[in-house]
Amino acid sequence: MTERRVWRERGPAWRIGVVLVVVALLVAGLVVAALLTDVEGELRGGRDASASGAPPPSPGLIAAGDDAPVPDPAALDRIMGPLASSPAVGDLTASVVDDATGQVLWERRPRDAKVPASTVKLLTAVAALSRLPADARVDTVLARGTQPDTLVVVPGGDPTMSGAADPGPLFPGAATIAQAAGVVRTAGQTPARIVVAPGPYTGSRLGPGWSPVDIAAGNIAPVQAWMLDAGRLDPADEYSPRTSEPTLAAGRALARELGIDPAEVRVSEEPVETTEEFGRVSSAPLTERVRSMLVHSDNVLAETICREVALDRDPDQKAGFGEGSAAVVETLSERGLDMSGVRLDDCSGMSAGNRLSSAALTDVLRTAAAPDATRELRDLLDALPVAAGSGTLADRFDGPSAAGAGWVRAKTGTLRETSALAGTVTSADGRTMSFALLASGTDPAVARPVLDRIAAELRSCGCR
């Protein structure tokens, strides 16, 4: 959880029960639509996928096809119009496009730029998957300082390293502090102090408009080039409060692992000279980190991934909020996407200064859903939260919107008086569509059920 919210998800027993229901729905749905090759593919990446007891993960989603009937826009409007006019969604802008052809099926002021909240992470994900190798990893280097008993940590920009012996549930495949300590021991070193070098980041640690109160609330941590569990105090709790000094906390954790006095840890603001590299530990591959970013809507991870894009574009620079967000927009523009009217102050969506249209969101989504999408980009759809099944959609799509359970895959977005939902859905006739819904001016708790209902209607409607 990394959107601004004042509620918590329900307990594990409830979530497991929901997933079992979703699995049953998916099995039935696969017979009709053949979206995936097995059930686990639908839930892969969600917190509760293991509860299904399903087969190993599938290769993922298949490309959109044009053999199923296309919904009639007029029929679709008769269903969507009343929902879109509900006071619950306030000022709604929306876009729905056919994935196979790009045809607009339904829209409402689709070019109006609105606060997108965490749907910005879709742009960050597509930019990263377009620019970087799918197996790209971020290294943290362990080296000797100019003094023989000084260990220097040179961060590369990995916020996912686990402070536990094994990677936590939020960041599968992450490096661990125990592995980092093992590199030092294997090199036969017994340092007396640790210095953490600055790493490749620059500028403010908090994004434009970010509030320090969101650190204790568990939404953010100051963005630094090395931290454990994205700064969480409890690595297993998605909603855990975070530390205000994540790099110092990581250095002290490594000191304790090596038997060094934590008081002998210093975070340097200036470059640190090293004489010998002992080794390095690496993050999970990019595709796994993108999955974690989207499923758990992790703001810190989003900010580090876009900096990764910026550093790849210009290895000689250091990257901050401005460089990261500019790199996302520039990379997407180079893909041929229309970024006019797009304003990004950050890469996570926490800033209320961000502006994005629903049409831009469906354009970005369709790069992953179109028939000619690459496998790497198609993995984006497989990494989205599943309605009533995983991540930030685990406790949504019940009651009037239950038809969308298991069929809607979408990124959520929540800020004060802003609620967004953008993703992909397959109609009952087997036609896949990308959609984006941006509601503003109302309480997200009131808007969400109607947004879910709109997405569910796209699933259940043949509309011909």
Protein backbone atom coordinates (compact mmCIF):
# COMPACT_ATOMS: atom_id res chain seq x y z
CA MET A 1 0.00 0.00 0.00
CA THR A 2 1.51 3.24 -1.03
CA GLU A 3 -1.37 5.40 -2.09
CA ARG A 4 -2.71 7.83 0.46
CA ARG A 5 -5.41 5.84 2.22
CA VAL A 6 -7.01 5.84 5.63
CA TRP A 7 -8.32 2.30 5.56
CA ARG A 8 -6.53 -1.05 5.70
CA GLU A 9 -7.17 -4.23 3.80
CA ARG A 10 -9.02 -7.06 5.44
CA GLY A 11 -7.24 -9.92 7.12
CA PRO A 12 -5.44 -12.87 5.50
CA ALA A 13 -8.29 -15.34 6.01
CA TRP A 14 -10.70 -13.11 4.13
CA ARG A 15 -8.21 -12.53 1.32
CA ILE A 16 -7.52 -16.24 0.92
CA GLY A 17 -11.25 -16.90 0.68
CA VAL A 18 -11.59 -14.23 -1.98
CA VAL A 19 -8.77 -15.71 -4.01
CA LEU A 20 -10.30 -19.18 -3.95
CA VAL A 21 -13.52 -17.70 -5.31
CA VAL A 22 -11.58 -15.81 -7.96
CA VAL A 23 -9.73 -18.95 -8.99
CA ALA A 24 -13.05 -20.72 -9.52
CA LEU A 25 -14.26 -17.83 -11.63
CA LEU A 26 -11.07 -17.87 -13.67
CA VAL A 27 -11.24 -21.56 -14.40
CA ALA A 28 -14.74 -21.10 -15.78
CA GLY A 29 -13.69 -17.99 -17.67
CA LEU A 30 -10.75 -19.66 -19.33
CA VAL A 31 -13.07 -22.06 -21.07
CA VAL A 32 -14.82 -19.11 -22.67
CA ALA A 33 -12.04 -16.65 -23.40
CA ALA A 34 -8.76 -18.60 -23.18
CA LEU A 35 -7.03 -15.53 -21.83
CA LEU A 36 -4.38 -17.46 -19.97
CA THR A 37 -2.96 -20.93 -20.13
CA ASP A 38 -3.64 -21.61 -16.43
CA VAL A 39 -5.16 -20.09 -13.33
CA GLU A 40 -1.90 -19.22 -11.58
CA GLY A 41 -1.04 -16.88 -14.41
CA GLU A 42 -4.07 -14.79 -13.48
CA LEU A 43 -2.95 -14.45 -9.88
CA ARG A 44 0.82 -14.51 -10.26
CA GLY A 45 2.37 -11.66 -8.34
CA GLY A 46 -0.51 -11.14 -5.88
CA ARG A 47 -0.13 -11.68 -2.17
CA ASP A 48 -2.70 -14.45 -2.10
CA ALA A 49 -1.80 -16.46 -5.18
CA SER A 50 -0.26 -19.22 -3.10
CA ALA A 51 -3.63 -19.91 -1.50
CA SER A 52 -5.02 -21.22 -4.80
CA GLY A 53 -2.86 -24.34 -4.95
CA ALA A 54 -2.79 -23.76 -8.70
CA PRO A 55 -0.23 -25.12 -11.20
CA PRO A 56 3.07 -23.29 -11.81
CA PRO A 57 2.89 -19.83 -13.40
CA SER A 58 1.80 -19.61 -17.02
CA PRO A 59 3.68 -17.74 -19.74
CA GLY A 60 1.21 -14.90 -19.20
CA LEU A 61 -1.32 -13.04 -21.28
CA ILE A 62 -1.70 -13.63 -24.99
CA ALA A 63 -1.96 -10.88 -27.57
CA ALA A 64 -5.28 -9.22 -28.30
CA GLY A 65 -7.10 -10.75 -31.25
CA ASP A 66 -9.71 -9.39 -33.63
CA ASP A 67 -11.87 -12.49 -34.04
CA ALA A 68 -14.31 -11.67 -31.21
CA PRO A 69 -17.18 -9.18 -31.74
CA VAL A 70 -16.43 -5.53 -31.05
CA PRO A 71 -18.78 -3.79 -28.60
CA ASP A 72 -21.01 -1.22 -30.27
CA PRO A 73 -20.06 2.26 -28.96
CA ALA A 74 -23.70 3.42 -28.90
CA ALA A 75 -24.80 0.39 -26.89
CA LEU A 76 -21.83 0.85 -24.59
CA ASP A 77 -22.73 4.48 -24.01
CA ARG A 78 -26.29 3.57 -22.99
CA ILE A 79 -24.82 1.47 -20.18
CA MET A 80 -21.86 3.65 -19.22
CA GLY A 81 -23.54 7.04 -19.48
CA PRO A 82 -25.71 6.81 -16.34
CA LEU A 83 -22.82 5.43 -14.27
CA ALA A 84 -20.47 8.13 -15.50
CA SER A 85 -23.04 10.78 -14.57
CA SER A 86 -23.32 9.56 -10.98
CA PRO A 87 -22.47 12.26 -8.39
CA ALA A 88 -20.32 9.60 -6.70
CA VAL A 89 -17.61 9.96 -9.35
CA GLY A 90 -17.71 13.75 -9.41
CA ASP A 91 -15.88 15.07 -12.44
CA LEU A 92 -15.14 11.90 -14.41
CA THR A 93 -12.95 11.67 -17.48
CA ALA A 94 -12.73 8.31 -19.22
CA SER A 95 -11.42 6.41 -22.21
CA VAL A 96 -12.09 2.86 -23.44
CA VAL A 97 -10.33 1.53 -26.54
CA ASP A 98 -10.33 -1.75 -28.41
CA ASP A 99 -6.90 -3.34 -27.97
CA ALA A 100 -6.77 -5.05 -31.35
CA THR A 101 -7.61 -2.01 -33.49
CA GLY A 102 -7.21 1.04 -31.26
CA GLN A 103 -10.81 2.06 -31.97
CA VAL A 104 -12.32 4.32 -29.33
CA LEU A 105 -15.35 2.51 -27.90
CA TRP A 106 -16.42 4.99 -25.25
CA GLU A 107 -15.01 8.20 -23.85
CA ARG A 108 -15.80 11.23 -21.75
CA ARG A 109 -13.56 14.29 -22.19
CA PRO A 110 -10.61 11.93 -22.69
CA ARG A 111 -7.99 14.67 -23.29
CA ASP A 112 -8.72 16.62 -20.11
CA ALA A 113 -5.61 16.46 -17.94
CA LYS A 114 -6.42 15.39 -14.38
CA VAL A 115 -4.56 14.36 -11.24
CA PRO A 116 -3.77 10.71 -12.00
CA ALA A 117 -2.53 9.56 -8.57
CA SER A 118 -0.78 6.17 -8.71
CA THR A 119 -1.81 5.39 -12.29
CA VAL A 120 1.38 7.36 -13.09
CA LYS A 121 3.16 4.09 -12.27
CA LEU A 122 1.86 2.68 -15.56
CA LEU A 123 3.94 5.26 -17.43
CA THR A 124 6.95 4.48 -15.24
CA ALA A 125 6.53 0.76 -15.92
CA VAL A 126 6.19 1.08 -19.71
CA ALA A 127 9.14 3.47 -19.90
CA ALA A 128 11.32 1.07 -17.91
CA LEU A 129 10.26 -2.02 -19.86
CA SER A 130 10.82 -0.13 -23.13
CA ARG A 131 14.25 1.21 -22.26
CA LEU A 132 15.88 -1.40 -20.03
CA PRO A 133 16.51 -5.14 -20.42
CA ALA A 134 13.86 -7.29 -18.75
CA ASP A 135 16.57 -8.90 -16.61
CA ALA A 136 18.23 -5.61 -15.59
CA ARG A 137 19.39 -5.65 -11.97
CA VAL A 138 20.70 -2.98 -9.61
CA ASP A 139 23.97 -3.69 -7.77
CA THR A 140 25.13 -2.67 -4.32
CA VAL A 141 28.93 -2.77 -4.16
CA LEU A 142 30.96 -3.69 -1.05
CA ALA A 143 34.52 -2.34 -1.13
CA ARG A 144 37.54 -1.50 1.00
CA GLY A 145 38.12 2.16 1.91
CA THR A 146 41.47 3.89 2.03
CA GLN A 147 41.75 2.70 5.61
CA PRO A 148 42.05 -1.11 5.76
CA ASP A 149 39.41 -1.47 8.49
CA THR A 150 36.78 0.63 6.67
CA LEU A 151 34.03 -1.01 4.64
CA VAL A 152 32.54 1.23 1.94
CA VAL A 153 29.06 0.55 0.59
CA VAL A 154 28.53 2.01 -2.88
CA PRO A 155 24.78 2.09 -3.59
CA GLY A 156 23.44 1.60 -7.09
CA GLY A 157 19.83 2.51 -6.36
CA ASP A 158 18.28 -0.63 -4.88
CA PRO A 159 15.55 0.06 -2.28
CA THR A 160 14.39 -3.55 -2.10
CA MET A 161 17.22 -5.28 -0.22
CA SER A 162 15.76 -7.29 2.63
CA GLY A 163 16.76 -6.73 6.22
CA ALA A 164 15.75 -10.31 7.00
CA ALA A 165 17.56 -13.54 6.23
CA ASP A 166 15.30 -14.12 3.23
CA PRO A 167 13.48 -11.74 0.88
CA GLY A 168 10.16 -10.56 2.26
CA PRO A 169 6.78 -11.11 0.58
CA LEU A 170 6.71 -7.65 -1.02
CA PHE A 171 9.95 -7.97 -3.01
CA PRO A 172 10.50 -11.57 -4.17
CA GLY A 173 14.02 -12.31 -5.33
CA ALA A 174 15.54 -9.32 -3.56
CA ALA A 175 19.06 -9.33 -2.19
CA THR A 176 19.42 -9.55 1.60
CA ILE A 177 21.57 -7.84 4.18
CA ALA A 178 22.81 -11.32 5.12
CA GLN A 179 24.10 -11.78 1.56
CA ALA A 180 25.87 -8.43 1.72
CA ALA A 181 27.54 -9.43 4.98
CA GLY A 182 28.47 -12.77 3.42
CA VAL A 183 30.37 -10.98 0.64
CA VAL A 184 32.47 -9.20 3.24
CA ARG A 185 33.13 -12.36 5.26
CA THR A 186 34.02 -14.37 2.16
CA ALA A 187 36.63 -11.73 1.35
CA GLY A 188 38.15 -12.39 4.79
CA GLN A 189 37.42 -8.90 6.05
CA THR A 190 36.63 -7.77 9.61
CA PRO A 191 35.95 -4.05 9.24
CA ALA A 192 35.59 -1.75 12.23
CA ARG A 193 33.47 0.90 10.54
CA ILE A 194 31.16 1.42 7.56
CA VAL A 195 30.91 4.41 5.25
CA VAL A 196 28.04 4.59 2.76
CA ALA A 197 28.89 6.48 -0.43
CA PRO A 198 26.33 8.89 -1.94
CA GLY A 199 25.31 6.73 -4.89
CA PRO A 200 23.80 7.99 -8.16
CA TYR A 201 20.94 10.14 -6.79
CA THR A 202 20.76 13.90 -6.42
CA GLY A 203 18.42 16.58 -5.18
CA SER A 204 15.56 16.50 -2.70
CA ARG A 205 14.69 13.25 -0.96
CA LEU A 206 10.98 14.09 -0.92
CA GLY A 207 9.05 14.76 -4.10
CA PRO A 208 7.19 17.98 -4.92
CA GLY A 209 4.20 18.29 -2.62
CA TRP A 210 5.10 15.21 -0.58
CA SER A 211 4.35 15.47 3.11
CA PRO A 212 6.68 14.11 5.80
CA VAL A 213 3.61 12.76 7.63
CA ASP A 214 3.33 10.13 4.89
CA ILE A 215 6.58 8.54 6.14
CA ALA A 216 5.01 7.44 9.40
CA ALA A 217 1.80 6.64 7.51
CA GLY A 218 3.72 4.08 5.45
CA ASN A 219 3.19 5.73 2.05
CA ILE A 220 6.75 6.92 1.40
CA ALA A 221 10.31 7.03 2.62
CA PRO A 222 12.89 9.65 1.65
CA VAL A 223 14.23 8.48 -1.70
CA GLN A 224 17.84 7.42 -1.23
CA ALA A 225 20.03 5.09 -3.28
CA TRP A 226 20.18 2.30 -0.69
CA MET A 227 17.55 1.17 1.77
CA LEU A 228 16.01 -1.98 3.17
CA ASP A 229 12.47 -3.06 2.28
CA ALA A 230 11.78 0.38 0.74
CA GLY A 231 12.30 1.87 4.17
CA ARG A 232 9.65 -0.17 6.00
CA LEU A 233 10.14 -0.79 9.67
CA ASP A 234 8.33 -4.12 9.31
CA PRO A 235 9.36 -5.75 6.01
CA ALA A 236 6.39 -8.14 5.99
CA ASP A 237 3.77 -5.42 6.49
CA GLU A 238 2.76 -3.57 3.35
CA TYR A 239 1.31 -0.81 5.53
CA SER A 240 4.27 -0.50 7.87
CA PRO A 241 5.53 2.95 8.90
CA ARG A 242 8.84 3.79 7.25
CA THR A 243 12.08 5.28 8.45
CA SER A 244 13.08 8.89 7.86
CA GLU A 245 16.75 7.85 7.44
CA PRO A 246 16.64 4.73 5.24
CA THR A 247 20.28 4.65 4.17
CA LEU A 248 21.57 5.10 7.70
CA ALA A 249 19.18 2.38 8.88
CA ALA A 250 20.49 0.02 6.16
CA GLY A 251 24.09 0.73 7.12
CA ARG A 252 23.39 0.05 10.78
CA ALA A 253 21.64 -3.22 9.90
CA LEU A 254 24.72 -4.32 7.97
CA ALA A 255 26.90 -3.31 10.92
CA ARG A 256 24.88 -5.46 13.31
CA GLU A 257 25.12 -8.37 10.86
CA LEU A 258 28.91 -8.01 10.83
CA GLY A 259 29.28 -7.41 14.55
CA ILE A 260 30.26 -3.75 14.10
CA ASP A 261 29.08 -1.07 16.50
CA PRO A 262 26.16 0.68 14.67
CA ALA A 263 27.55 3.98 15.93
CA GLU A 264 30.47 3.40 13.55
CA VAL A 265 28.25 3.87 10.47
CA ARG A 266 28.45 7.11 8.50
CA VAL A 267 26.52 8.21 5.43
CA SER A 268 28.73 10.42 3.28
CA GLU A 269 27.48 13.32 1.19
CA GLU A 270 30.76 13.36 -0.77
CA PRO A 271 32.31 10.68 -3.02
CA VAL A 272 34.22 8.03 -1.08
CA GLU A 273 37.49 6.61 -2.37
CA THR A 274 37.83 2.83 -2.46
CA THR A 275 40.86 0.60 -3.04
CA GLU A 276 39.41 -2.86 -3.64
CA GLU A 277 35.99 -4.26 -4.44
CA PHE A 278 35.04 -7.28 -2.32
CA GLY A 279 31.93 -8.09 -4.34
CA ARG A 280 28.37 -7.00 -4.90
CA VAL A 281 24.80 -8.10 -4.38
CA SER A 282 22.04 -7.60 -6.92
CA SER A 283 18.35 -6.79 -6.90
CA ALA A 284 15.69 -8.93 -8.52
CA PRO A 285 15.29 -8.55 -12.31
CA LEU A 286 13.43 -5.50 -13.62
CA THR A 287 10.28 -7.44 -14.51
CA GLU A 288 9.97 -8.70 -10.94
CA ARG A 289 10.51 -5.24 -9.52
CA VAL A 290 7.93 -3.74 -11.89
CA ARG A 291 5.48 -6.38 -10.69
CA SER A 292 6.11 -5.44 -7.06
CA MET A 293 5.75 -1.76 -7.89
CA LEU A 294 2.36 -2.25 -9.55
CA VAL A 295 0.82 -4.93 -7.34
CA HIS A 296 1.70 -3.14 -4.09
CA SER A 297 1.72 0.38 -5.55
CA ASP A 298 5.09 1.01 -3.94
CA ASN A 299 5.96 4.69 -4.35
CA VAL A 300 9.61 4.35 -3.35
CA LEU A 301 10.22 1.57 -5.84
CA ALA A 302 8.56 3.62 -8.59
CA GLU A 303 10.87 6.55 -7.92
CA THR A 304 13.99 4.37 -8.07
CA ILE A 305 12.90 2.57 -11.24
CA CYS A 306 12.43 5.83 -13.13
CA ARG A 307 15.85 6.99 -11.94
CA GLU A 308 17.17 3.74 -13.42
CA VAL A 309 15.71 4.85 -16.76
CA ALA A 310 17.27 8.30 -16.40
CA LEU A 311 20.70 6.87 -15.59
CA ASP A 312 20.50 4.54 -18.57
CA ARG A 313 19.70 7.48 -20.83
CA ASP A 314 22.61 9.50 -19.44
CA PRO A 315 25.12 7.44 -17.43
CA ASP A 316 27.20 10.54 -16.67
CA GLN A 317 24.48 12.31 -14.71
CA LYS A 318 23.00 11.82 -11.28
CA ALA A 319 19.24 11.48 -11.10
CA GLY A 320 16.58 13.08 -8.94
CA PHE A 321 12.86 13.67 -9.22
CA GLY A 322 13.18 15.98 -12.21
CA GLU A 323 15.54 13.74 -14.14
CA GLY A 324 13.47 10.63 -13.41
CA SER A 325 10.13 12.05 -14.47
CA ALA A 326 11.64 13.69 -17.56
CA ALA A 327 13.20 10.36 -18.56
CA VAL A 328 9.80 8.65 -18.40
CA VAL A 329 8.10 11.26 -20.59
CA GLU A 330 10.98 11.36 -23.08
CA THR A 331 11.17 7.57 -23.36
CA LEU A 332 7.44 7.28 -24.01
CA SER A 333 7.56 10.10 -26.56
CA GLU A 334 10.32 8.24 -28.39
CA ARG A 335 7.98 5.24 -28.56
CA GLY A 336 5.58 7.45 -30.50
CA LEU A 337 3.14 8.10 -27.67
CA ASP A 338 1.58 11.55 -27.48
CA MET A 339 2.77 13.07 -24.22
CA SER A 340 1.41 16.57 -24.88
CA GLY A 341 -0.42 17.83 -21.81
CA VAL A 342 1.34 15.31 -19.58
CA ARG A 343 3.04 16.79 -16.51
CA LEU A 344 4.97 14.59 -14.11
CA ASP A 345 6.43 15.95 -10.91
CA ASP A 346 7.28 12.44 -9.76
CA CYS A 347 7.13 8.86 -11.03
CA SER A 348 4.86 7.38 -8.39
CA GLY A 349 1.79 9.62 -8.47
CA MET A 350 2.10 10.94 -4.92
CA SER A 351 2.36 14.54 -6.13
CA ALA A 352 -0.90 16.42 -6.60
CA GLY A 353 0.89 18.46 -9.28
CA ASN A 354 0.92 15.58 -11.77
CA ARG A 355 -1.43 15.87 -14.76
CA LEU A 356 -2.44 13.10 -17.13
CA SER A 357 -5.42 12.37 -19.37
CA SER A 358 -7.42 9.17 -19.61
CA ALA A 359 -6.60 9.02 -23.33
CA ALA A 360 -2.87 9.12 -22.57
CA LEU A 361 -3.34 6.28 -20.09
CA THR A 362 -5.16 4.05 -22.58
CA ASP A 363 -2.49 4.84 -25.19
CA VAL A 364 0.17 3.66 -22.74
CA LEU A 365 -1.79 0.55 -21.77
CA ARG A 366 -2.36 -0.39 -25.38
CA THR A 367 1.38 -0.53 -26.02
CA ALA A 368 1.28 -3.65 -23.84
CA ALA A 369 -2.07 -4.99 -25.07
CA ALA A 370 -1.89 -4.48 -28.83
CA PRO A 371 -1.35 -7.51 -31.10
CA ASP A 372 2.19 -6.42 -31.91
CA ALA A 373 3.24 -5.79 -28.29
CA THR A 374 6.54 -7.31 -27.26
CA ARG A 375 6.62 -10.03 -24.64
CA GLU A 376 8.39 -7.68 -22.22
CA LEU A 377 5.62 -5.09 -22.50
CA ARG A 378 2.88 -7.71 -22.35
CA ASP A 379 4.33 -8.74 -19.01
CA LEU A 380 3.07 -5.38 -17.75
CA LEU A 381 -0.53 -6.60 -17.96
CA ASP A 382 0.36 -9.80 -16.17
CA ALA A 383 1.86 -7.68 -13.37
CA LEU A 384 -1.28 -5.62 -12.72
CA PRO A 385 -3.43 -6.24 -9.64
CA VAL A 386 -6.31 -8.64 -10.32
CA ALA A 387 -9.84 -7.66 -9.32
CA ALA A 388 -10.79 -9.37 -6.03
CA GLY A 389 -7.54 -11.31 -6.24
CA SER A 390 -4.31 -9.43 -5.57
CA GLY A 391 -2.60 -6.27 -4.49
CA THR A 392 -4.57 -3.06 -4.26
CA LEU A 393 -7.61 -4.73 -5.86
CA ALA A 394 -7.73 -7.64 -3.41
CA ASP A 395 -10.69 -6.23 -1.50
CA ARG A 396 -12.59 -4.71 -4.42
CA PHE A 397 -15.05 -5.93 -7.07
CA ASP A 398 -17.74 -7.53 -4.95
CA GLY A 399 -21.49 -6.90 -4.86
CA PRO A 400 -22.69 -5.00 -7.97
CA SER A 401 -19.22 -5.12 -9.53
CA ALA A 402 -18.58 -8.83 -8.89
CA ALA A 403 -18.76 -9.61 -12.62
CA GLY A 404 -15.33 -8.05 -12.95
CA ALA A 405 -13.70 -10.27 -10.32
CA GLY A 406 -10.80 -12.13 -11.87
CA TRP A 407 -11.29 -10.44 -15.25
CA VAL A 408 -10.29 -6.86 -14.59
CA ARG A 409 -6.58 -6.16 -14.21
CA ALA A 410 -5.91 -2.57 -13.27
CA LYS A 411 -3.74 -0.02 -11.52
CA THR A 412 -5.49 1.94 -8.83
CA GLY A 413 -4.87 5.54 -7.85
CA THR A 414 -5.92 7.37 -4.70
CA LEU A 415 -5.27 10.86 -3.41
CA ARG A 416 -7.53 13.28 -1.61
CA GLU A 417 -10.68 13.74 -3.74
CA THR A 418 -9.04 11.71 -6.52
CA SER A 419 -9.74 8.09 -7.45
CA ALA A 420 -8.43 6.40 -10.59
CA LEU A 421 -8.61 2.99 -12.20
CA ALA A 422 -6.78 2.09 -15.40
CA GLY A 423 -6.13 -1.32 -16.90
CA THR A 424 -7.41 -4.05 -19.17
CA VAL A 425 -10.53 -6.20 -19.30
CA THR A 426 -11.94 -8.87 -21.59
CA SER A 427 -15.60 -8.69 -22.54
CA ALA A 428 -17.90 -11.68 -22.19
CA ASP A 429 -17.51 -12.13 -25.96
CA GLY A 430 -13.72 -12.31 -25.68
CA ARG A 431 -12.78 -8.80 -26.84
CA THR A 432 -9.98 -7.17 -24.87
CA MET A 433 -10.13 -3.47 -24.05
CA SER A 434 -7.90 -0.94 -22.34
CA PHE A 435 -9.66 1.57 -20.10
CA ALA A 436 -8.84 4.54 -17.90
CA LEU A 437 -11.18 6.23 -15.42
CA LEU A 438 -10.16 9.39 -13.55
CA ALA A 439 -12.63 10.69 -10.95
CA SER A 440 -12.07 13.90 -9.03
CA GLY A 441 -13.90 16.08 -6.55
CA THR A 442 -15.37 13.29 -4.42
CA ASP A 443 -14.30 11.00 -1.59
CA PRO A 444 -12.41 8.00 -3.05
CA ALA A 445 -14.38 5.68 -0.77
CA VAL A 446 -17.55 6.88 -2.54
CA ALA A 447 -16.10 6.92 -6.07
CA ARG A 448 -14.42 3.53 -6.03
CA PRO A 449 -17.54 1.33 -6.13
CA VAL A 450 -18.81 3.18 -9.20
CA LEU A 451 -15.45 2.96 -10.97
CA ASP A 452 -15.43 -0.77 -10.23
CA ARG A 453 -18.97 -1.05 -11.57
CA ILE A 454 -17.98 0.65 -14.84
CA ALA A 455 -15.05 -1.74 -15.31
CA ALA A 456 -17.29 -4.71 -14.45
CA GLU A 457 -19.84 -3.59 -17.07
CA LEU A 458 -17.08 -3.69 -19.67
CA ARG A 459 -16.54 -7.32 -18.72
CA SER A 460 -20.21 -8.39 -18.73
CA CYS A 461 -21.39 -6.33 -21.68
CA GLY A 462 -21.45 -7.71 -25.21
CA CYS A 463 -23.01 -4.41 -26.26
CA ARG A 464 -23.97 -5.16 -29.84
